[in-house]
C-alpha atoms as a PDB file:
ATOM      1  CA  MET A   1     -68.423 -22.640  -7.627  1.00  0.00           C
ATOM      2  CA  THR A   2     -66.614 -25.955  -7.618  1.00  0.00           C
ATOM      3  CA  THR A   3     -68.477 -28.877  -6.100  1.00  0.00           C
ATOM      4  CA  LEU A   4     -66.063 -30.909  -4.031  1.00  0.00           C
ATOM      5  CA  THR A   5     -66.471 -34.510  -3.103  1.00  0.00           C
ATOM      6  CA  ALA A   6     -64.220 -36.678  -0.990  1.00  0.00           C
ATOM      7  CA  THR A   7     -63.012 -39.790  -2.776  1.00  0.00           C
ATOM      8  CA  SER A   8     -60.101 -40.892  -0.624  1.00  0.00           C
ATOM      9  CA  ALA A   9     -58.988 -40.632   2.975  1.00  0.00           C
ATOM     10  CA  GLY A  10     -56.280 -38.043   2.190  1.00  0.00           C
ATOM     11  CA  GLU A  11     -58.578 -35.949   0.033  1.00  0.00           C
ATOM     12  CA  SER A  12     -61.418 -36.033   2.529  1.00  0.00           C
ATOM     13  CA  SER A  13     -59.326 -34.432   5.226  1.00  0.00           C
ATOM     14  CA  ALA A  14     -58.782 -31.078   3.456  1.00  0.00           C
ATOM     15  CA  TYR A  15     -62.227 -31.069   1.831  1.00  0.00           C
ATOM     16  CA  GLU A  16     -63.987 -32.090   5.031  1.00  0.00           C
ATOM     17  CA  ARG A  17     -62.172 -29.299   6.864  1.00  0.00           C
ATOM     18  CA  LEU A  18     -63.292 -26.831   4.205  1.00  0.00           C
ATOM     19  CA  ALA A  19     -66.873 -28.084   4.553  1.00  0.00           C
ATOM     20  CA  THR A  20     -66.671 -27.783   8.346  1.00  0.00           C
ATOM     21  CA  LEU A  21     -65.507 -24.186   7.889  1.00  0.00           C
ATOM     22  CA  GLY A  22     -68.443 -23.545   5.556  1.00  0.00           C
ATOM     23  CA  ILE A  23     -66.139 -22.871   2.612  1.00  0.00           C
ATOM     24  CA  GLU A  24     -67.036 -23.844  -0.935  1.00  0.00           C
ATOM     25  CA  LEU A  25     -64.132 -23.268  -3.291  1.00  0.00           C
ATOM     26  CA  PRO A  26     -64.919 -20.911  -6.165  1.00  0.00           C
ATOM     27  CA  ALA A  27     -63.554 -21.431  -9.648  1.00  0.00           C
ATOM     28  CA  ALA A  28     -59.908 -20.414  -9.747  1.00  0.00           C
ATOM     29  CA  PRO A  29     -59.668 -16.715 -10.603  1.00  0.00           C
ATOM     30  CA  PRO A  30     -58.208 -16.118 -14.080  1.00  0.00           C
ATOM     31  CA  PRO A  31     -54.955 -14.170 -14.503  1.00  0.00           C
ATOM     32  CA  VAL A  32     -55.450 -10.416 -14.825  1.00  0.00           C
ATOM     33  CA  ALA A  33     -52.407  -9.855 -17.073  1.00  0.00           C
ATOM     34  CA  ASN A  34     -49.802 -11.772 -19.080  1.00  0.00           C
ATOM     35  CA  PHE A  35     -49.012 -14.617 -16.639  1.00  0.00           C
ATOM     36  CA  VAL A  36     -50.343 -17.990 -15.511  1.00  0.00           C
ATOM     37  CA  THR A  37     -51.929 -18.739 -12.136  1.00  0.00           C
ATOM     38  CA  HIS A  38     -49.413 -21.456 -11.317  1.00  0.00           C
ATOM     39  CA  VAL A  39     -46.287 -23.249 -12.463  1.00  0.00           C
ATOM     40  CA  ARG A  40     -45.329 -26.751 -11.421  1.00  0.00           C
ATOM     41  CA  GLU A  41     -41.667 -27.720 -11.391  1.00  0.00           C
ATOM     42  CA  GLY A  42     -41.088 -31.244 -10.099  1.00  0.00           C
ATOM     43  CA  ASP A  43     -42.721 -31.587  -6.703  1.00  0.00           C
ATOM     44  CA  ILE A  44     -43.061 -27.829  -6.188  1.00  0.00           C
ATOM     45  CA  LEU A  45     -46.102 -25.755  -7.147  1.00  0.00           C
ATOM     46  CA  TYR A  46     -45.582 -21.993  -7.440  1.00  0.00           C
ATOM     47  CA  LEU A  47     -48.781 -19.953  -7.159  1.00  0.00           C
ATOM     48  CA  SER A  48     -48.964 -16.466  -8.630  1.00  0.00           C
ATOM     49  CA  GLY A  49     -50.202 -13.674  -6.420  1.00  0.00           C
ATOM     50  CA  GLN A  50     -53.946 -13.614  -5.859  1.00  0.00           C
ATOM     51  CA  GLY A  51     -56.064 -10.754  -4.621  1.00  0.00           C
ATOM     52  CA  PRO A  52     -59.237 -10.566  -2.523  1.00  0.00           C
ATOM     53  CA  ARG A  53     -61.651 -11.474  -5.327  1.00  0.00           C
ATOM     54  CA  GLU A  54     -65.155 -12.655  -4.464  1.00  0.00           C
ATOM     55  CA  ALA A  55     -66.684 -15.489  -6.506  1.00  0.00           C
ATOM     56  CA  ASP A  56     -68.745 -12.894  -8.424  1.00  0.00           C
ATOM     57  CA  GLY A  57     -65.539 -11.077  -9.459  1.00  0.00           C
ATOM     58  CA  THR A  58     -65.807  -8.194  -6.972  1.00  0.00           C
ATOM     59  CA  LEU A  59     -62.400  -7.055  -5.709  1.00  0.00           C
ATOM     60  CA  HIS A  60     -61.876  -5.539  -2.264  1.00  0.00           C
ATOM     61  CA  ALA A  61     -59.954  -2.308  -2.622  1.00  0.00           C
ATOM     62  CA  GLY A  62     -58.655   0.396  -0.319  1.00  0.00           C
ATOM     63  CA  LYS A  63     -55.796   1.378   1.911  1.00  0.00           C
ATOM     64  CA  VAL A  64     -55.314  -0.635   5.106  1.00  0.00           C
ATOM     65  CA  GLY A  65     -54.961   1.717   8.050  1.00  0.00           C
ATOM     66  CA  ASP A  66     -57.119   4.327   6.328  1.00  0.00           C
ATOM     67  CA  THR A  67     -60.316   3.173   4.559  1.00  0.00           C
ATOM     68  CA  VAL A  68     -59.879  -0.499   5.569  1.00  0.00           C
ATOM     69  CA  ASP A  69     -59.385  -1.684   9.160  1.00  0.00           C
ATOM     70  CA  ILE A  70     -57.266  -4.647  10.298  1.00  0.00           C
ATOM     71  CA  GLU A  71     -60.236  -7.027  10.776  1.00  0.00           C
ATOM     72  CA  ALA A  72     -61.559  -6.368   7.261  1.00  0.00           C
ATOM     73  CA  ALA A  73     -58.057  -6.766   5.815  1.00  0.00           C
ATOM     74  CA  TYR A  74     -57.656 -10.058   7.760  1.00  0.00           C
ATOM     75  CA  GLN A  75     -60.881 -11.295   6.120  1.00  0.00           C
ATOM     76  CA  HIS A  76     -59.574 -10.163   2.722  1.00  0.00           C
ATOM     77  CA  ALA A  77     -56.371 -12.187   3.308  1.00  0.00           C
ATOM     78  CA  ARG A  78     -58.535 -15.182   4.237  1.00  0.00           C
ATOM     79  CA  LEU A  79     -60.434 -14.733   0.963  1.00  0.00           C
ATOM     80  CA  VAL A  80     -57.105 -14.652  -0.884  1.00  0.00           C
ATOM     81  CA  GLY A  81     -56.287 -17.961   0.829  1.00  0.00           C
ATOM     82  CA  ILE A  82     -59.547 -19.418  -0.478  1.00  0.00           C
ATOM     83  CA  ASN A  83     -58.607 -18.266  -3.986  1.00  0.00           C
ATOM     84  CA  LEU A  84     -55.151 -19.821  -3.618  1.00  0.00           C
ATOM     85  CA  LEU A  85     -56.808 -23.089  -2.549  1.00  0.00           C
ATOM     86  CA  ALA A  86     -59.013 -22.883  -5.658  1.00  0.00           C
ATOM     87  CA  VAL A  87     -55.897 -22.544  -7.834  1.00  0.00           C
ATOM     88  CA  MET A  88     -54.280 -25.500  -6.024  1.00  0.00           C
ATOM     89  CA  HIS A  89     -57.430 -27.559  -6.603  1.00  0.00           C
ATOM     90  CA  GLU A  90     -57.505 -26.636 -10.295  1.00  0.00           C
ATOM     91  CA  ALA A  91     -53.775 -27.278 -10.750  1.00  0.00           C
ATOM     92  CA  LEU A  92     -53.693 -30.599  -8.893  1.00  0.00           C
ATOM     93  CA  GLY A  93     -57.237 -31.897  -9.190  1.00  0.00           C
ATOM     94  CA  ASP A  94     -57.011 -33.020  -5.580  1.00  0.00           C
ATOM     95  CA  LEU A  95     -55.910 -31.092  -2.485  1.00  0.00           C
ATOM     96  CA  SER A  96     -54.667 -34.334  -0.931  1.00  0.00           C
ATOM     97  CA  ARG A  97     -51.651 -33.960  -3.236  1.00  0.00           C
ATOM     98  CA  VAL A  98     -50.464 -31.009  -1.121  1.00  0.00           C
ATOM     99  CA  LYS A  99     -47.656 -32.175   1.131  1.00  0.00           C
ATOM    100  CA  ARG A 100     -46.901 -28.830   2.735  1.00  0.00           C
ATOM    101  CA  VAL A 101     -47.335 -25.120   2.256  1.00  0.00           C
ATOM    102  CA  LEU A 102     -43.706 -24.006   2.166  1.00  0.00           C
ATOM    103  CA  LYS A 103     -43.885 -20.230   1.905  1.00  0.00           C
ATOM    104  CA  LEU A 104     -46.308 -17.333   1.640  1.00  0.00           C
ATOM    105  CA  PHE A 105     -45.391 -13.858   0.480  1.00  0.00           C
ATOM    106  CA  GLY A 106     -48.047 -11.427   1.677  1.00  0.00           C
ATOM    107  CA  MET A 107     -48.356  -7.852   0.480  1.00  0.00           C
ATOM    108  CA  VAL A 108     -50.572  -5.302   2.205  1.00  0.00           C
ATOM    109  CA  ASN A 109     -51.671  -2.062   0.539  1.00  0.00           C
ATOM    110  CA  ALA A 110     -51.190   0.133   3.599  1.00  0.00           C
ATOM    111  CA  VAL A 111     -50.634   3.685   4.750  1.00  0.00           C
ATOM    112  CA  PRO A 112     -46.963   4.493   5.469  1.00  0.00           C
ATOM    113  CA  ASN A 113     -47.253   4.288   9.275  1.00  0.00           C
ATOM    114  CA  PHE A 114     -49.167   0.969   9.320  1.00  0.00           C
ATOM    115  CA  GLU A 115     -47.321  -1.643  11.408  1.00  0.00           C
ATOM    116  CA  ASP A 116     -49.614  -4.675  11.630  1.00  0.00           C
ATOM    117  CA  HIS A 117     -48.923  -6.423   8.311  1.00  0.00           C
ATOM    118  CA  PRO A 118     -48.404  -9.834  10.003  1.00  0.00           C
ATOM    119  CA  GLN A 119     -51.864  -9.661  11.634  1.00  0.00           C
ATOM    120  CA  VAL A 120     -53.447  -9.021   8.235  1.00  0.00           C
ATOM    121  CA  ILE A 121     -51.670 -11.887   6.454  1.00  0.00           C
ATOM    122  CA  ASN A 122     -52.632 -14.186   9.347  1.00  0.00           C
ATOM    123  CA  GLY A 123     -56.008 -14.382   7.587  1.00  0.00           C
ATOM    124  CA  CYS A 124     -54.426 -16.613   4.947  1.00  0.00           C
ATOM    125  CA  SER A 125     -51.982 -18.354   7.285  1.00  0.00           C
ATOM    126  CA  ASP A 126     -54.719 -19.283   9.768  1.00  0.00           C
ATOM    127  CA  LEU A 127     -56.855 -20.711   6.948  1.00  0.00           C
ATOM    128  CA  PHE A 128     -54.036 -22.885   5.582  1.00  0.00           C
ATOM    129  CA  ILE A 129     -53.371 -24.314   9.050  1.00  0.00           C
ATOM    130  CA  GLU A 130     -57.106 -24.968   9.503  1.00  0.00           C
ATOM    131  CA  VAL A 131     -57.269 -26.770   6.138  1.00  0.00           C
ATOM    132  CA  PHE A 132     -53.923 -28.633   6.062  1.00  0.00           C
ATOM    133  CA  GLY A 133     -53.090 -28.941   9.763  1.00  0.00           C
ATOM    134  CA  GLU A 134     -49.335 -29.060  10.387  1.00  0.00           C
ATOM    135  CA  GLY A 135     -48.817 -29.258   6.611  1.00  0.00           C
ATOM    136  CA  GLY A 136     -50.238 -25.751   6.441  1.00  0.00           C
ATOM    137  CA  ARG A 137     -47.533 -24.223   8.676  1.00  0.00           C
ATOM    138  CA  HIS A 138     -45.169 -22.255   6.496  1.00  0.00           C
ATOM    139  CA  ALA A 139     -42.388 -19.728   6.250  1.00  0.00           C
ATOM    140  CA  ARG A 140     -43.744 -16.277   5.431  1.00  0.00           C
ATOM    141  CA  SER A 141     -43.094 -12.665   4.634  1.00  0.00           C
ATOM    142  CA  ALA A 142     -45.700  -9.969   5.348  1.00  0.00           C
ATOM    143  CA  VAL A 143     -44.814  -6.557   3.994  1.00  0.00           C
ATOM    144  CA  GLY A 144     -46.443  -3.218   3.238  1.00  0.00           C
ATOM    145  CA  PHE A 145     -46.709  -1.575  -0.151  1.00  0.00           C
ATOM    146  CA  GLY A 146     -47.695   1.934  -1.191  1.00  0.00           C
ATOM    147  CA  SER A 147     -50.067   0.459  -3.771  1.00  0.00           C
ATOM    148  CA  LEU A 148     -51.175  -2.828  -5.292  1.00  0.00           C
ATOM    149  CA  PRO A 149     -52.841  -3.509  -8.669  1.00  0.00           C
ATOM    150  CA  GLY A 150     -56.400  -2.190  -8.806  1.00  0.00           C
ATOM    151  CA  ASN A 151     -55.858  -0.692  -5.349  1.00  0.00           C
ATOM    152  CA  ILE A 152     -56.596  -4.148  -3.849  1.00  0.00           C
ATOM    153  CA  THR A 153     -56.027  -4.409  -0.117  1.00  0.00           C
ATOM    154  CA  VAL A 154     -53.963  -7.605  -0.090  1.00  0.00           C
ATOM    155  CA  GLU A 155     -52.052  -9.830  -2.512  1.00  0.00           C
ATOM    156  CA  ILE A 156     -50.518 -13.166  -1.526  1.00  0.00           C
ATOM    157  CA  GLU A 157     -48.451 -15.715  -3.433  1.00  0.00           C
ATOM    158  CA  ALA A 158     -47.532 -19.213  -2.275  1.00  0.00           C
ATOM    159  CA  ILE A 159     -45.080 -22.048  -2.794  1.00  0.00           C
ATOM    160  CA  VAL A 160     -46.330 -25.577  -2.073  1.00  0.00           C
ATOM    161  CA  SER A 161     -44.582 -28.966  -2.003  1.00  0.00           C
ATOM    162  CA  LEU A 162     -46.417 -31.955  -3.423  1.00  0.00           C
ATOM    163  CA  LYS A 163     -46.688 -35.606  -2.479  1.00  0.00           C
ATOM    164  CA  ASP A 164     -45.364 -38.176  -4.919  1.00  0.00           C
END
């Protein structure tokens, strides 16, 4: 787990909100294949897809609409959001450097007739708005897939703009 302390007014806002939510950021999850967790190009940070990995490494797996219900999948998407925040923290050293979450791409491992992908990905979207306020509002895609790596329930990637 990463111990977070507020050292400036901008930083304290996101970290204080996390503390109020009872969230302690874990260490950023390592890549599971031949890629990096993030790439920075100018004032844009691209975050690779993250899955619902607990701090102890446990992954949530299953098919949404079959073995996993919408509420559990929503919580898995929220956990993915926490992991994305951990990557942002590692990449930037300070969440106050986040200007705005620009875009999320959410993938749900779902049965063919599942129709509530947006409600699942709201788990991450809601968290980002809670942590960054209006800067957490973003464009988004929420789509279903027949499978995801390791049979995980949800994978989400993000694009973030940075302050100067």
